[in-house]
Amino acid sequence: MKFNLAEKIAIVKAIDEVILADGYASQSELIFLSQLMEMLKFDSTLIEEARKTTGNEGLSIIKAMPDDKKKTLIVLLQEMAKADGKVDDNEIELIQQIISYIGVFRD
């Protein structure tokens, strides 16, 4: 699946927010992020760009993406939440908020 630059930044922003939702970034989450970036062929400088982006900017970009890309993002967020071996309530809540906002499962 191909993503444009804005989509890549928004995706990395959302993933970064999930990583930080429980208050800290574990080593396993950072390793998983690195693996995801490599798998998706995302440049590591996107992390810096994503951190300069507001959550609302990122969500607006994600909301405009086609449903197949939104669904891919949700899977990535869920996998990231599990990366440290425990899913925090804040991570679940954040992912649910993103799903609700972007309308990924609505027809």
N, C-alpha and C. Protein backbone atom coordinates (compact mmCIF):
# COMPACT_ATOMS: atom_id res chain seq x y z
N MET A 1 0.85 -1.17 0.00
CA MET A 1 0.00 0.00 0.00
C MET A 1 0.89 1.24 0.00
N LYS A 2 0.58 2.17 -0.85
CA LYS A 2 1.37 3.40 -0.98
C LYS A 2 0.68 4.53 -0.22
N PHE A 3 1.48 5.32 0.48
CA PHE A 3 0.99 6.47 1.22
C PHE A 3 1.73 7.71 0.74
N ASN A 4 1.01 8.83 0.62
CA ASN A 4 1.70 10.07 0.27
C ASN A 4 2.38 10.63 1.53
N LEU A 5 3.16 11.68 1.38
CA LEU A 5 3.95 12.21 2.49
C LEU A 5 3.06 12.66 3.65
N ALA A 6 1.99 13.37 3.37
CA ALA A 6 1.10 13.83 4.44
C ALA A 6 0.50 12.65 5.19
N GLU A 7 0.10 11.61 4.47
CA GLU A 7 -0.46 10.42 5.10
C GLU A 7 0.58 9.74 5.99
N LYS A 8 1.81 9.65 5.49
CA LYS A 8 2.88 9.03 6.27
C LYS A 8 3.09 9.77 7.59
N ILE A 9 3.13 11.09 7.51
CA ILE A 9 3.34 11.90 8.71
C ILE A 9 2.18 11.70 9.68
N ALA A 10 0.95 11.70 9.17
CA ALA A 10 -0.23 11.52 10.02
C ALA A 10 -0.25 10.13 10.66
N ILE A 11 0.14 9.12 9.92
CA ILE A 11 0.19 7.75 10.45
C ILE A 11 1.23 7.65 11.56
N VAL A 12 2.41 8.19 11.31
CA VAL A 12 3.46 8.17 12.33
C VAL A 12 3.02 8.96 13.56
N LYS A 13 2.33 10.08 13.36
CA LYS A 13 1.81 10.87 14.48
C LYS A 13 0.86 10.02 15.33
N ALA A 14 -0.07 9.33 14.69
CA ALA A 14 -1.04 8.50 15.41
C ALA A 14 -0.33 7.37 16.17
N ILE A 15 0.63 6.72 15.52
CA ILE A 15 1.38 5.65 16.17
C ILE A 15 2.16 6.19 17.37
N ASP A 16 2.79 7.34 17.19
CA ASP A 16 3.55 7.97 18.27
C ASP A 16 2.63 8.31 19.45
N GLU A 17 1.44 8.78 19.16
CA GLU A 17 0.47 9.10 20.23
C GLU A 17 0.08 7.84 21.01
N VAL A 18 -0.09 6.73 20.31
CA VAL A 18 -0.41 5.47 21.00
C VAL A 18 0.76 5.03 21.87
N ILE A 19 1.97 5.16 21.35
CA ILE A 19 3.15 4.81 22.14
C ILE A 19 3.18 5.59 23.45
N LEU A 20 2.85 6.87 23.38
CA LEU A 20 2.95 7.75 24.54
C LEU A 20 1.69 7.77 25.41
N ALA A 21 0.64 7.11 24.97
CA ALA A 21 -0.65 7.17 25.67
C ALA A 21 -0.58 6.65 27.11
N ASP A 22 0.30 5.69 27.36
CA ASP A 22 0.41 5.14 28.72
C ASP A 22 1.46 5.86 29.56
N GLY A 23 2.00 6.95 29.02
CA GLY A 23 2.92 7.77 29.79
C GLY A 23 4.40 7.50 29.56
N TYR A 24 4.72 6.45 28.83
CA TYR A 24 6.13 6.17 28.55
C TYR A 24 6.26 5.32 27.28
N ALA A 25 7.44 5.40 26.69
CA ALA A 25 7.73 4.61 25.50
C ALA A 25 8.67 3.47 25.90
N SER A 26 8.17 2.25 25.83
CA SER A 26 9.00 1.10 26.20
C SER A 26 9.97 0.76 25.07
N GLN A 27 11.02 0.04 25.42
CA GLN A 27 12.00 -0.38 24.43
C GLN A 27 11.35 -1.23 23.34
N SER A 28 10.43 -2.12 23.73
CA SER A 28 9.77 -2.99 22.75
C SER A 28 8.89 -2.18 21.80
N GLU A 29 8.28 -1.10 22.29
CA GLU A 29 7.48 -0.25 21.41
C GLU A 29 8.37 0.48 20.41
N LEU A 30 9.52 0.95 20.87
CA LEU A 30 10.44 1.65 19.98
C LEU A 30 11.02 0.71 18.93
N ILE A 31 11.30 -0.51 19.32
CA ILE A 31 11.78 -1.51 18.35
C ILE A 31 10.70 -1.80 17.33
N PHE A 32 9.46 -1.97 17.79
CA PHE A 32 8.35 -2.24 16.88
C PHE A 32 8.13 -1.07 15.94
N LEU A 33 8.25 0.16 16.46
CA LEU A 33 8.12 1.35 15.61
C LEU A 33 9.18 1.34 14.51
N SER A 34 10.40 1.02 14.88
CA SER A 34 11.49 0.95 13.90
C SER A 34 11.20 -0.10 12.83
N GLN A 35 10.70 -1.26 13.25
CA GLN A 35 10.36 -2.32 12.30
C GLN A 35 9.22 -1.89 11.38
N LEU A 36 8.21 -1.22 11.94
CA LEU A 36 7.10 -0.73 11.13
C LEU A 36 7.58 0.27 10.09
N MET A 37 8.42 1.19 10.53
CA MET A 37 8.94 2.22 9.62
C MET A 37 9.68 1.56 8.46
N GLU A 38 10.46 0.55 8.76
CA GLU A 38 11.21 -0.16 7.72
C GLU A 38 10.27 -0.92 6.79
N MET A 39 9.31 -1.62 7.38
CA MET A 39 8.37 -2.41 6.59
C MET A 39 7.55 -1.53 5.65
N LEU A 40 7.13 -0.36 6.14
CA LEU A 40 6.31 0.55 5.33
C LEU A 40 7.16 1.45 4.43
N LYS A 41 8.48 1.32 4.56
CA LYS A 41 9.42 2.14 3.79
C LYS A 41 9.23 3.63 4.11
N PHE A 42 9.04 3.91 5.40
CA PHE A 42 8.91 5.28 5.88
C PHE A 42 10.29 5.73 6.36
N ASP A 43 10.70 6.91 5.96
CA ASP A 43 11.98 7.48 6.38
C ASP A 43 11.92 7.83 7.87
N SER A 44 13.01 7.61 8.58
CA SER A 44 13.03 7.86 10.02
C SER A 44 12.84 9.34 10.37
N THR A 45 13.10 10.24 9.43
CA THR A 45 12.89 11.67 9.70
C THR A 45 11.40 12.00 9.84
N LEU A 46 10.54 11.08 9.44
CA LEU A 46 9.10 11.31 9.58
C LEU A 46 8.69 11.42 11.04
N ILE A 47 9.43 10.78 11.93
CA ILE A 47 9.10 10.87 13.35
C ILE A 47 9.22 12.31 13.82
N GLU A 48 10.30 12.97 13.42
CA GLU A 48 10.48 14.38 13.78
C GLU A 48 9.37 15.24 13.20
N GLU A 49 9.04 15.00 11.94
CA GLU A 49 7.96 15.76 11.28
C GLU A 49 6.63 15.50 11.97
N ALA A 50 6.38 14.26 12.34
CA ALA A 50 5.12 13.91 12.99
C ALA A 50 4.99 14.62 14.33
N ARG A 51 6.08 14.74 15.04
CA ARG A 51 6.04 15.39 16.36
C ARG A 51 5.83 16.89 16.25
N LYS A 52 6.07 17.47 15.07
CA LYS A 52 5.79 18.89 14.83
C LYS A 52 4.33 19.10 14.42
N THR A 53 3.66 18.01 14.11
CA THR A 53 2.27 18.06 13.65
C THR A 53 1.34 17.94 14.85
N THR A 54 0.25 18.71 14.85
CA THR A 54 -0.71 18.58 15.94
C THR A 54 -1.57 17.34 15.72
N GLY A 55 -2.16 16.87 16.80
CA GLY A 55 -3.05 15.72 16.70
C GLY A 55 -4.21 15.98 15.76
N ASN A 56 -4.76 17.20 15.82
CA ASN A 56 -5.90 17.54 14.95
C ASN A 56 -5.50 17.56 13.48
N GLU A 57 -4.30 18.06 13.18
CA GLU A 57 -3.82 18.05 11.80
C GLU A 57 -3.69 16.62 11.30
N GLY A 58 -3.10 15.77 12.12
CA GLY A 58 -2.94 14.37 11.75
C GLY A 58 -4.27 13.68 11.52
N LEU A 59 -5.21 13.91 12.43
CA LEU A 59 -6.53 13.29 12.30
C LEU A 59 -7.27 13.76 11.05
N SER A 60 -7.12 15.03 10.71
CA SER A 60 -7.77 15.55 9.50
C SER A 60 -7.25 14.85 8.25
N ILE A 61 -5.95 14.62 8.23
CA ILE A 61 -5.35 13.92 7.09
C ILE A 61 -5.85 12.48 7.05
N ILE A 62 -5.85 11.82 8.20
CA ILE A 62 -6.30 10.42 8.27
C ILE A 62 -7.76 10.31 7.87
N LYS A 63 -8.58 11.25 8.33
CA LYS A 63 -10.01 11.22 8.01
C LYS A 63 -10.25 11.28 6.51
N ALA A 64 -9.37 11.96 5.78
CA ALA A 64 -9.52 12.10 4.33
C ALA A 64 -8.99 10.90 3.55
N MET A 65 -8.31 9.98 4.23
CA MET A 65 -7.75 8.81 3.54
C MET A 65 -8.86 7.84 3.16
N PRO A 66 -8.64 7.03 2.12
CA PRO A 66 -9.61 5.98 1.77
C PRO A 66 -9.73 4.96 2.91
N ASP A 67 -10.87 4.28 2.97
CA ASP A 67 -11.13 3.32 4.05
C ASP A 67 -10.08 2.23 4.17
N ASP A 68 -9.53 1.75 3.05
CA ASP A 68 -8.53 0.68 3.16
C ASP A 68 -7.29 1.16 3.91
N LYS A 69 -6.90 2.40 3.70
CA LYS A 69 -5.76 2.95 4.42
C LYS A 69 -6.11 3.18 5.89
N LYS A 70 -7.33 3.63 6.15
CA LYS A 70 -7.77 3.82 7.54
C LYS A 70 -7.75 2.50 8.29
N LYS A 71 -8.24 1.46 7.65
CA LYS A 71 -8.28 0.14 8.30
C LYS A 71 -6.87 -0.38 8.57
N THR A 72 -5.96 -0.13 7.63
CA THR A 72 -4.56 -0.51 7.83
C THR A 72 -3.99 0.22 9.04
N LEU A 73 -4.28 1.51 9.13
CA LEU A 73 -3.80 2.30 10.27
C LEU A 73 -4.32 1.74 11.59
N ILE A 74 -5.59 1.40 11.65
CA ILE A 74 -6.16 0.88 12.90
C ILE A 74 -5.46 -0.41 13.31
N VAL A 75 -5.17 -1.28 12.36
CA VAL A 75 -4.44 -2.51 12.67
C VAL A 75 -3.05 -2.17 13.22
N LEU A 76 -2.38 -1.21 12.60
CA LEU A 76 -1.06 -0.80 13.07
C LEU A 76 -1.13 -0.25 14.49
N LEU A 77 -2.15 0.56 14.77
CA LEU A 77 -2.30 1.13 16.11
C LEU A 77 -2.56 0.03 17.15
N GLN A 78 -3.39 -0.93 16.79
CA GLN A 78 -3.68 -2.03 17.71
C GLN A 78 -2.43 -2.87 17.98
N GLU A 79 -1.66 -3.12 16.94
CA GLU A 79 -0.42 -3.88 17.11
C GLU A 79 0.58 -3.10 17.96
N MET A 80 0.65 -1.80 17.76
CA MET A 80 1.56 -0.98 18.55
C MET A 80 1.15 -1.01 20.02
N ALA A 81 -0.15 -0.95 20.29
CA ALA A 81 -0.62 -0.98 21.67
C ALA A 81 -0.20 -2.28 22.37
N LYS A 82 -0.09 -3.36 21.61
CA LYS A 82 0.29 -4.66 22.18
C LYS A 82 1.80 -4.88 22.22
N ALA A 83 2.56 -3.99 21.62
CA ALA A 83 3.99 -4.22 21.43
C ALA A 83 4.77 -4.39 22.72
N ASP A 84 4.32 -3.76 23.79
CA ASP A 84 5.06 -3.88 25.06
C ASP A 84 4.52 -5.00 25.95
N GLY A 85 3.60 -5.80 25.40
CA GLY A 85 3.09 -6.94 26.14
C GLY A 85 1.88 -6.64 27.01
N LYS A 86 1.50 -5.39 27.09
CA LYS A 86 0.30 -5.03 27.85
C LYS A 86 -0.39 -3.85 27.17
N VAL A 87 -1.70 -3.93 27.10
CA VAL A 87 -2.47 -2.86 26.48
C VAL A 87 -3.07 -2.02 27.60
N ASP A 88 -2.66 -0.77 27.64
CA ASP A 88 -3.11 0.17 28.66
C ASP A 88 -4.49 0.72 28.29
N ASP A 89 -5.29 1.03 29.30
CA ASP A 89 -6.62 1.61 29.06
C ASP A 89 -6.54 2.90 28.25
N ASN A 90 -5.50 3.71 28.47
CA ASN A 90 -5.35 4.95 27.72
C ASN A 90 -5.10 4.68 26.23
N GLU A 91 -4.37 3.60 25.94
CA GLU A 91 -4.13 3.22 24.55
C GLU A 91 -5.44 2.80 23.89
N ILE A 92 -6.23 2.00 24.60
CA ILE A 92 -7.52 1.55 24.07
C ILE A 92 -8.42 2.74 23.80
N GLU A 93 -8.49 3.64 24.78
CA GLU A 93 -9.35 4.83 24.64
C GLU A 93 -8.92 5.69 23.46
N LEU A 94 -7.62 5.89 23.30
CA LEU A 94 -7.12 6.70 22.19
C LEU A 94 -7.47 6.06 20.85
N ILE A 95 -7.25 4.77 20.72
CA ILE A 95 -7.57 4.08 19.46
C ILE A 95 -9.06 4.17 19.18
N GLN A 96 -9.89 4.01 20.19
CA GLN A 96 -11.34 4.13 20.00
C GLN A 96 -11.73 5.53 19.58
N GLN A 97 -11.08 6.54 20.14
CA GLN A 97 -11.36 7.93 19.75
C GLN A 97 -10.98 8.16 18.29
N ILE A 98 -9.85 7.62 17.88
CA ILE A 98 -9.41 7.77 16.49
C ILE A 98 -10.41 7.09 15.56
N ILE A 99 -10.81 5.87 15.89
CA ILE A 99 -11.79 5.14 15.08
C ILE A 99 -13.08 5.95 14.96
N SER A 100 -13.55 6.46 16.07
CA SER A 100 -14.79 7.24 16.07
C SER A 100 -14.66 8.49 15.21
N TYR A 101 -13.55 9.20 15.35
CA TYR A 101 -13.36 10.45 14.62
C TYR A 101 -13.24 10.23 13.11
N ILE A 102 -12.48 9.23 12.71
CA ILE A 102 -12.25 9.04 11.27
C ILE A 102 -13.35 8.25 10.59
N GLY A 103 -14.23 7.63 11.38
CA GLY A 103 -15.36 6.91 10.81
C GLY A 103 -14.98 5.71 9.98
N VAL A 104 -13.94 5.02 10.38
CA VAL A 104 -13.40 3.93 9.57
C VAL A 104 -14.36 2.77 9.37
N PHE A 105 -15.18 2.46 10.34
CA PHE A 105 -16.04 1.29 10.19
C PHE A 105 -17.48 1.65 9.87
N ARG A 106 -17.72 2.89 9.55
CA ARG A 106 -19.07 3.31 9.17
C ARG A 106 -19.28 3.08 7.69
N ASP A 107 -20.51 2.78 7.32
CA ASP A 107 -20.83 2.58 5.89
C ASP A 107 -21.40 3.83 5.28
